[in-house]
């Protein structure tokens, strides 16, 4: 799909989409609750990532019925799980890394699959744990093959890898028949996402806590409770709506539906956008890597910026540092990246109308970052369907704010 955005002024109030990160967590917690009574989750949006988690829960025997933005979830039924069943993770890193340990908790061979890009993401944390416990773990062209059961105990994990590995363990370990501890080797990055998982567990009556700044304590023999919950608004995607106020001074967009005391790390944009508008800041992406593309877009429209701890941008849906450098050049903005990819500098410059079609790099956040700038200059983005991964209603929201977007397949 191509999306052509006409320069314009954005004004009005717009509702933030539901948090994809919390939707994953609540769906999984509901799937781990009792089979006899349902959990009800309100406020879901059918992004491809959320649908991947629903698909995987269904493979594991959960019963999920959808009624608009509501899901009625009956818990996983181990009896319904068949040997060599395949869990389709689509292109969602969260789904893959959350479900590998859940599969490792079962004494049945299972396979997890996904897109070619997804299967290249690092998974060594789980491979190491499987080797330590003598469990079956193999990755080949057909996917990741695992068989448990994983045992409780002490786990040591590098703190500077994706928090999704820690969250995946946190879902499973409370259900095992003994206490567990996760030791994180500092520095610990993306800590807010770990805290979001702990909060989701707590909502469903399961306890996990920080013993100290690098150690998580997880009591065993716990059970997830059946209840009704609502998914909170998503700061990660709301950032692309709020960014409109910082790329064009005449824009006036109010984003509603966000929780003031949210644990979402990407709420950091509330402080970072004003910094970008005021000067040439150095911004640490360690705890908010998903904000990288939109922060670079806002930097390009203002005075530039330096981004540190940016190395993980290279292992997302695209190599986001390189992708933004390539596309910002089409707007006349220079981006330099250090040899180790850990520092990205967006140079100060003046946005110009792109003379080439912009490339979304099959990455939802790249598409939305480019669209943000195109509302100022105009431009056409190829591969714009990537927004369906997390924010399928994004272009609709832009039009509700008075902007003009033309799409064609």
Protein backbone atom coordinates (compact mmCIF):
# COMPACT_ATOMS: atom_id res chain seq x y z
CA UNK A 1 0.00 0.00 0.00
CA UNK A 2 1.11 3.54 -0.75
CA UNK A 3 0.04 6.47 1.39
CA UNK A 4 0.30 10.01 0.05
CA UNK A 5 0.07 12.72 2.69
CA UNK A 6 -0.84 16.27 1.78
CA UNK A 7 0.75 19.08 3.83
CA UNK A 8 -1.77 20.46 6.27
CA UNK A 9 -2.64 21.60 9.76
CA UNK A 10 -3.70 19.08 12.40
CA UNK A 11 -6.18 20.27 14.98
CA UNK A 12 -8.57 18.57 17.34
CA UNK A 13 -8.87 15.90 20.01
CA UNK A 14 -7.99 12.30 19.29
CA UNK A 15 -8.22 9.14 21.39
CA UNK A 16 -5.00 7.20 21.94
CA UNK A 17 -5.15 3.60 20.72
CA UNK A 18 -5.08 0.83 23.35
CA UNK A 19 -1.66 -0.21 24.59
CA UNK A 20 -0.35 -3.06 22.49
CA UNK A 21 2.18 -3.91 25.20
CA UNK A 22 -0.46 -4.20 27.90
CA UNK A 23 -2.89 -6.00 25.60
CA UNK A 24 -0.30 -8.76 25.09
CA UNK A 25 0.22 -9.04 28.82
CA UNK A 26 -3.45 -9.09 29.77
CA UNK A 27 -4.34 -11.63 27.10
CA UNK A 28 -1.57 -13.96 28.26
CA UNK A 29 -2.51 -13.57 31.93
CA UNK A 30 -6.13 -14.31 31.02
CA UNK A 31 -5.01 -17.33 29.03
CA UNK A 32 -3.14 -18.63 32.07
CA UNK A 33 -6.18 -18.27 34.34
CA UNK A 34 -8.71 -20.99 35.14
CA UNK A 35 -10.40 -22.79 32.29
CA UNK A 36 -13.80 -22.94 34.01
CA UNK A 37 -14.55 -19.20 34.22
CA UNK A 38 -13.67 -16.54 31.64
CA UNK A 39 -11.68 -13.36 31.89
CA UNK A 40 -13.11 -10.38 30.04
CA UNK A 41 -10.70 -7.90 28.43
CA UNK A 42 -12.10 -4.63 27.16
CA UNK A 43 -10.45 -2.05 24.90
CA UNK A 44 -8.62 -4.22 22.34
CA UNK A 45 -7.70 -3.16 18.81
CA UNK A 46 -6.98 -5.73 16.12
CA UNK A 47 -3.36 -4.99 15.34
CA UNK A 48 -1.38 -7.81 13.73
CA UNK A 49 0.74 -8.18 16.86
CA UNK A 50 -2.25 -8.61 19.16
CA UNK A 51 -3.81 -11.09 16.73
CA UNK A 52 -0.57 -13.10 16.84
CA UNK A 53 -0.88 -13.46 20.61
CA UNK A 54 -4.53 -14.49 20.28
CA UNK A 55 -3.58 -17.09 17.64
CA UNK A 56 -0.90 -18.58 19.90
CA UNK A 57 -3.25 -18.76 22.88
CA UNK A 58 -5.78 -20.58 20.72
CA UNK A 59 -3.15 -23.14 19.69
CA UNK A 60 -2.48 -23.80 23.38
CA UNK A 61 -6.16 -24.56 23.95
CA UNK A 62 -7.47 -21.23 25.18
CA UNK A 63 -11.00 -20.29 24.15
CA UNK A 64 -11.23 -16.70 22.93
CA UNK A 65 -14.40 -15.06 21.62
CA UNK A 66 -14.39 -11.52 20.25
CA UNK A 67 -17.19 -8.98 20.52
CA UNK A 68 -15.97 -5.76 18.95
CA UNK A 69 -13.21 -4.41 21.20
CA UNK A 70 -13.93 -7.01 23.92
CA UNK A 71 -12.42 -10.48 24.29
CA UNK A 72 -13.86 -13.24 26.44
CA UNK A 73 -10.98 -15.55 27.33
CA UNK A 74 -11.15 -19.06 28.77
CA UNK A 75 -7.80 -20.29 30.00
CA UNK A 76 -5.34 -22.64 28.30
CA UNK A 77 -6.37 -26.29 28.31
CA UNK A 78 -3.26 -28.52 28.44
CA UNK A 79 -5.35 -31.52 27.34
CA UNK A 80 -6.13 -29.77 24.06
CA UNK A 81 -2.45 -29.24 23.18
CA UNK A 82 -1.18 -31.67 20.56
CA UNK A 83 2.42 -32.71 20.01
CA UNK A 84 4.18 -30.62 17.34
CA UNK A 85 1.45 -27.98 17.27
CA UNK A 86 2.68 -24.76 15.63
CA UNK A 87 2.32 -21.33 17.24
CA UNK A 88 2.22 -18.63 14.51
CA UNK A 89 3.90 -15.51 15.91
CA UNK A 90 3.59 -13.58 12.60
CA UNK A 91 6.10 -10.72 12.90
CA UNK A 92 5.73 -10.00 16.61
CA UNK A 93 8.85 -10.17 18.76
CA UNK A 94 6.81 -9.82 21.95
CA UNK A 95 4.61 -12.79 21.07
CA UNK A 96 7.58 -14.98 20.20
CA UNK A 97 9.60 -14.16 23.29
CA UNK A 98 6.59 -14.37 25.61
CA UNK A 99 5.48 -17.77 24.32
CA UNK A 100 8.81 -19.63 24.09
CA UNK A 101 9.02 -20.06 27.90
CA UNK A 102 5.30 -20.87 28.09
CA UNK A 103 5.96 -23.69 25.62
CA UNK A 104 9.08 -24.70 27.55
CA UNK A 105 6.84 -25.14 30.59
CA UNK A 106 4.99 -27.99 28.85
CA UNK A 107 6.12 -31.59 28.47
CA UNK A 108 5.10 -31.72 24.81
CA UNK A 109 7.06 -30.79 21.67
CA UNK A 110 5.91 -27.50 20.15
CA UNK A 111 7.11 -25.23 17.36
CA UNK A 112 7.00 -21.43 17.14
CA UNK A 113 7.12 -19.80 13.72
CA UNK A 114 7.14 -16.27 12.37
CA UNK A 115 8.26 -14.05 9.53
CA UNK A 116 11.76 -14.35 8.13
CA UNK A 117 12.72 -11.09 9.86
CA UNK A 118 11.34 -12.26 13.20
CA UNK A 119 13.28 -15.51 13.04
CA UNK A 120 16.55 -13.57 12.79
CA UNK A 121 16.05 -11.84 16.13
CA UNK A 122 18.37 -13.01 18.94
CA UNK A 123 16.93 -15.86 21.03
CA UNK A 124 20.04 -17.12 22.80
CA UNK A 125 18.69 -16.44 26.30
CA UNK A 126 16.18 -19.27 26.04
CA UNK A 127 18.58 -21.58 24.23
CA UNK A 128 21.02 -21.17 27.12
CA UNK A 129 18.33 -21.87 29.74
CA UNK A 130 17.22 -24.99 27.87
CA UNK A 131 20.82 -26.24 27.70
CA UNK A 132 21.32 -25.65 31.42
CA UNK A 133 18.22 -27.67 32.26
CA UNK A 134 18.73 -30.37 29.63
CA UNK A 135 15.60 -29.38 27.69
CA UNK A 136 15.08 -29.73 23.97
CA UNK A 137 15.62 -26.50 22.01
CA UNK A 138 16.37 -26.26 18.31
CA UNK A 139 16.03 -23.48 15.76
CA UNK A 140 15.97 -24.25 12.05
CA UNK A 141 14.26 -23.12 8.86
CA UNK A 142 10.93 -24.44 10.14
CA UNK A 143 10.96 -22.41 13.36
CA UNK A 144 11.94 -22.79 17.01
CA UNK A 145 11.26 -26.26 18.44
CA UNK A 146 11.06 -26.70 22.22
CA UNK A 147 9.96 -29.21 24.81
CA UNK A 148 9.92 -28.89 28.59
CA UNK A 149 9.03 -28.97 31.32
CA UNK A 150 11.08 -26.06 32.61
CA UNK A 151 11.92 -26.31 36.31
CA UNK A 152 11.86 -23.47 38.86
CA UNK A 153 15.15 -22.14 40.21
CA UNK A 154 17.70 -19.40 39.78
CA UNK A 155 18.06 -17.80 36.36
CA UNK A 156 20.78 -15.36 35.32
CA UNK A 157 20.02 -13.11 32.34
CA UNK A 158 21.89 -10.17 30.85
CA UNK A 159 20.07 -6.96 31.69
CA UNK A 160 20.94 -5.19 28.46
CA UNK A 161 19.00 -7.56 26.20
CA UNK A 162 15.32 -7.26 25.37
CA UNK A 163 13.08 -7.10 28.43
CA UNK A 164 10.76 -9.47 26.56
CA UNK A 165 12.93 -12.39 27.72
CA UNK A 166 12.47 -11.44 31.36
CA UNK A 167 8.74 -10.89 30.88
CA UNK A 168 8.40 -14.29 29.19
CA UNK A 169 9.92 -15.98 32.24
CA UNK A 170 7.78 -13.89 34.58
CA UNK A 171 4.58 -15.24 33.01
CA UNK A 172 5.56 -18.88 33.55
CA UNK A 173 7.65 -19.06 36.72
CA UNK A 174 4.86 -18.20 39.23
CA UNK A 175 2.94 -21.30 38.09
CA UNK A 176 5.79 -23.74 38.71
CA UNK A 177 5.99 -25.86 41.85
CA UNK A 178 8.81 -23.94 43.51
CA UNK A 179 10.22 -20.46 44.01
CA UNK A 180 12.40 -18.82 41.38
CA UNK A 181 14.78 -15.90 41.13
CA UNK A 182 15.89 -13.95 38.07
CA UNK A 183 19.28 -12.27 38.42
CA UNK A 184 19.84 -9.50 35.88
CA UNK A 185 23.42 -8.64 34.98
CA UNK A 186 23.57 -4.82 34.90
CA UNK A 187 22.99 -2.52 33.18
CA UNK A 188 19.27 -3.24 33.04
CA UNK A 189 17.60 -1.67 30.00
CA UNK A 190 13.87 -1.32 29.28
CA UNK A 191 13.10 -1.70 32.98
CA UNK A 192 9.67 -0.03 32.52
CA UNK A 193 8.54 -2.95 30.37
CA UNK A 194 9.49 -5.39 33.14
CA UNK A 195 7.50 -3.26 35.59
CA UNK A 196 4.52 -3.37 33.22
CA UNK A 197 4.65 -7.17 33.31
CA UNK A 198 4.84 -7.18 37.10
CA UNK A 199 1.83 -4.84 37.17
CA UNK A 200 -0.14 -7.11 34.82
CA UNK A 201 0.66 -10.13 36.99
CA UNK A 202 -0.47 -8.22 40.08
CA UNK A 203 -3.79 -7.30 38.44
CA UNK A 204 -4.41 -11.02 37.90
CA UNK A 205 -3.46 -11.89 41.50
CA UNK A 206 0.09 -13.14 40.84
CA UNK A 207 3.09 -11.81 42.75
CA UNK A 208 6.58 -11.06 41.46
CA UNK A 209 8.76 -8.35 42.96
CA UNK A 210 12.13 -6.64 42.85
CA UNK A 211 14.31 -8.02 45.63
CA UNK A 212 16.89 -5.38 44.73
CA UNK A 213 17.60 -3.29 41.64
CA UNK A 214 18.89 -6.34 39.72
CA UNK A 215 17.03 -9.28 41.25
CA UNK A 216 13.45 -10.47 40.78
CA UNK A 217 11.82 -12.84 43.27
CA UNK A 218 8.99 -15.05 42.00
CA UNK A 219 7.13 -17.30 44.46
CA UNK A 220 5.88 -20.54 42.95
CA UNK A 221 2.54 -22.39 43.11
CA UNK A 222 0.53 -19.30 42.17
CA UNK A 223 -2.60 -19.16 40.01
CA UNK A 224 -3.93 -16.42 37.77
CA UNK A 225 -7.39 -15.13 38.71
CA UNK A 226 -10.44 -14.69 36.50
CA UNK A 227 -11.53 -11.08 36.24
CA UNK A 228 -12.63 -8.20 34.00
CA UNK A 229 -10.03 -5.63 32.91
CA UNK A 230 -9.60 -2.78 30.43
CA UNK A 231 -6.48 -2.12 28.35
CA UNK A 232 -5.04 1.33 29.00
CA UNK A 233 -4.13 3.80 26.26
CA UNK A 234 -0.83 3.38 24.44
CA UNK A 235 1.91 5.98 24.90
CA UNK A 236 4.09 4.28 22.27
CA UNK A 237 1.66 5.02 19.45
CA UNK A 238 0.18 8.17 20.98
CA UNK A 239 3.66 9.64 20.57
CA UNK A 240 3.11 9.81 16.80
CA UNK A 241 -0.04 11.88 17.35
CA UNK A 242 1.53 14.16 19.96
CA UNK A 243 4.57 14.63 17.69
CA UNK A 244 2.40 16.60 15.29
CA UNK A 245 2.50 19.49 17.78
CA UNK A 246 6.31 19.56 17.57
CA UNK A 247 6.84 19.44 13.80
CA UNK A 248 4.43 22.23 12.85
CA UNK A 249 3.82 25.15 15.26
CA UNK A 250 0.28 25.71 14.00
CA UNK A 251 -0.80 22.18 14.87
CA UNK A 252 -2.93 21.79 17.98
CA UNK A 253 -3.61 18.16 18.84
CA UNK A 254 -4.93 16.91 22.16
CA UNK A 255 -4.45 13.18 22.84
CA UNK A 256 -6.87 11.63 25.32
CA UNK A 257 -7.24 8.20 26.91
CA UNK A 258 -3.79 7.98 28.49
CA UNK A 259 -3.29 7.01 32.13
CA UNK A 260 -1.43 9.67 34.09
CA UNK A 261 0.45 7.21 36.33
CA UNK A 262 1.19 4.65 33.63
CA UNK A 263 4.32 2.53 33.90
CA UNK A 264 4.83 2.62 30.14
CA UNK A 265 8.40 3.68 29.43
CA UNK A 266 7.38 5.44 26.23
CA UNK A 267 5.51 8.04 28.26
CA UNK A 268 8.99 9.61 28.30
CA UNK A 269 8.01 11.49 25.14
CA UNK A 270 6.12 13.93 27.37
CA UNK A 271 9.51 15.20 28.55
CA UNK A 272 11.60 14.46 25.46
CA UNK A 273 9.55 16.31 22.84
CA UNK A 274 9.86 19.65 24.66
CA UNK A 275 13.61 19.06 24.99
CA UNK A 276 13.87 18.55 21.23
CA UNK A 277 11.90 21.72 20.58
CA UNK A 278 14.06 23.76 22.96
CA UNK A 279 17.59 22.77 21.99
CA UNK A 280 19.90 20.02 20.75
CA UNK A 281 19.66 17.42 23.49
CA UNK A 282 21.41 14.12 24.04
CA UNK A 283 18.70 11.50 24.53
CA UNK A 284 19.23 8.06 26.06
CA UNK A 285 17.13 5.38 24.33
CA UNK A 286 17.98 2.59 26.79
CA UNK A 287 14.51 2.56 28.36
CA UNK A 288 12.49 3.72 25.35
CA UNK A 289 13.97 2.22 22.16
CA UNK A 290 10.59 2.14 20.41
CA UNK A 291 10.49 5.95 20.54
CA UNK A 292 13.65 6.14 18.40
CA UNK A 293 12.00 6.78 15.01
CA UNK A 294 9.52 9.42 16.19
CA UNK A 295 12.16 11.19 18.27
CA UNK A 296 14.44 11.34 15.22
CA UNK A 297 11.58 12.76 13.16
CA UNK A 298 10.90 15.48 15.73
CA UNK A 299 14.65 16.20 15.96
CA UNK A 300 14.78 16.59 12.16
CA UNK A 301 11.94 19.12 12.28
CA UNK A 302 13.66 21.12 15.02
CA UNK A 303 17.35 21.51 15.88
CA UNK A 304 18.72 17.97 15.62
CA UNK A 305 19.78 15.72 18.49
CA UNK A 306 22.16 12.99 19.59
CA UNK A 307 20.75 9.59 20.56
CA UNK A 308 22.78 7.20 22.69
CA UNK A 309 22.24 3.54 23.63
CA UNK A 310 20.72 3.15 20.18
CA UNK A 311 22.26 -0.22 19.30
CA UNK A 312 19.01 -2.14 19.81
CA UNK A 313 17.37 -0.14 17.02
CA UNK A 314 19.23 -2.45 14.63
CA UNK A 315 17.25 -5.55 15.72
CA UNK A 316 13.70 -4.30 15.43
CA UNK A 317 11.35 -4.81 12.45
CA UNK A 318 14.02 -2.97 10.48
CA UNK A 319 17.42 -1.54 11.29
CA UNK A 320 15.73 1.62 12.51
CA UNK A 321 18.80 3.82 12.78
CA UNK A 322 19.86 3.03 9.22
CA UNK A 323 16.28 3.24 7.94
CA UNK A 324 15.73 6.69 9.42
CA UNK A 325 19.11 7.88 8.12
CA UNK A 326 18.17 6.76 4.62
CA UNK A 327 14.70 8.33 4.68
CA UNK A 328 15.61 11.57 6.46
CA UNK A 329 18.18 12.15 3.71
CA UNK A 330 15.22 12.40 1.32
CA UNK A 331 13.97 15.32 3.46
CA UNK A 332 17.41 16.96 3.25
CA UNK A 333 18.46 15.96 6.78
CA UNK A 334 21.81 14.31 7.45
CA UNK A 335 22.10 11.49 9.99
CA UNK A 336 25.40 9.96 11.14
CA UNK A 337 25.69 6.63 12.94
CA UNK A 338 28.69 5.48 14.96
CA UNK A 339 30.59 2.37 13.91
CA UNK A 340 29.08 0.37 16.76
CA UNK A 341 25.58 1.71 15.91
CA UNK A 342 25.15 2.86 19.52
CA UNK A 343 25.09 6.59 18.76
CA UNK A 344 22.87 8.27 16.17
CA UNK A 345 23.21 11.98 15.43
CA UNK A 346 20.46 13.83 13.58
CA UNK A 347 22.04 16.98 12.18
CA UNK A 348 20.30 20.34 12.23
CA UNK A 349 18.82 21.27 8.88
CA UNK A 350 15.76 22.48 7.02
CA UNK A 351 13.09 20.01 5.94
CA UNK A 352 12.57 19.92 2.20
CA UNK A 353 9.94 18.22 0.08
CA UNK A 354 11.07 14.65 -0.68
CA UNK A 355 11.86 14.19 -4.36
CA UNK A 356 11.72 10.41 -4.02
CA UNK A 357 9.10 8.01 -2.71
CA UNK A 358 9.68 7.27 0.96
CA UNK A 359 10.26 3.66 2.01
CA UNK A 360 8.50 2.31 5.10
CA UNK A 361 11.09 -0.53 5.42
CA UNK A 362 8.28 -2.93 6.43
CA UNK A 363 8.30 -1.21 9.84
CA UNK A 364 5.21 0.35 11.40
CA UNK A 365 7.18 2.90 13.42
CA UNK A 366 9.24 4.01 10.42
CA UNK A 367 6.04 4.55 8.40
CA UNK A 368 4.46 6.66 11.13
CA UNK A 369 7.64 8.68 11.73
CA UNK A 370 7.86 9.49 8.03
CA UNK A 371 4.15 10.33 7.90
CA UNK A 372 4.66 12.79 10.75
CA UNK A 373 7.18 14.74 8.67
CA UNK A 374 5.13 14.37 5.49
CA UNK A 375 2.29 16.31 7.15
CA UNK A 376 4.70 19.28 6.92
CA UNK A 377 6.28 18.72 3.49
CA UNK A 378 3.98 16.28 1.78
CA UNK A 379 5.21 12.92 0.54
CA UNK A 380 4.36 9.39 -0.54
CA UNK A 381 5.27 6.34 1.56
CA UNK A 382 5.47 2.89 0.04
CA UNK A 383 4.87 -0.10 2.29
CA UNK A 384 2.47 1.95 4.41
CA UNK A 385 0.46 -1.18 5.28
CA UNK A 386 3.10 -1.86 7.95
CA UNK A 387 1.00 0.26 10.33
CA UNK A 388 -1.35 -2.73 10.65
CA UNK A 389 1.24 -4.34 12.90
CA UNK A 390 0.42 -2.05 15.82
CA UNK A 391 -1.83 0.88 14.82
CA UNK A 392 -4.17 -0.01 11.93
CA UNK A 393 -6.35 3.07 12.52
CA UNK A 394 -3.43 5.53 12.37
CA UNK A 395 -4.27 7.13 9.03
CA UNK A 396 -7.93 7.34 10.02
CA UNK A 397 -6.93 9.30 13.09
CA UNK A 398 -4.87 11.69 10.95
CA UNK A 399 -7.87 12.41 8.77
CA UNK A 400 -10.03 13.06 11.83
CA UNK A 401 -7.52 15.75 12.77
CA UNK A 402 -8.09 17.49 9.43
CA UNK A 403 -5.18 16.06 7.47
CA UNK A 404 -5.53 14.54 4.02
CA UNK A 405 -4.21 11.03 3.37
CA UNK A 406 -4.69 9.18 0.08
CA UNK A 407 -4.04 5.41 0.13
CA UNK A 408 -3.92 2.93 -2.70
CA UNK A 409 -2.96 -0.72 -2.96
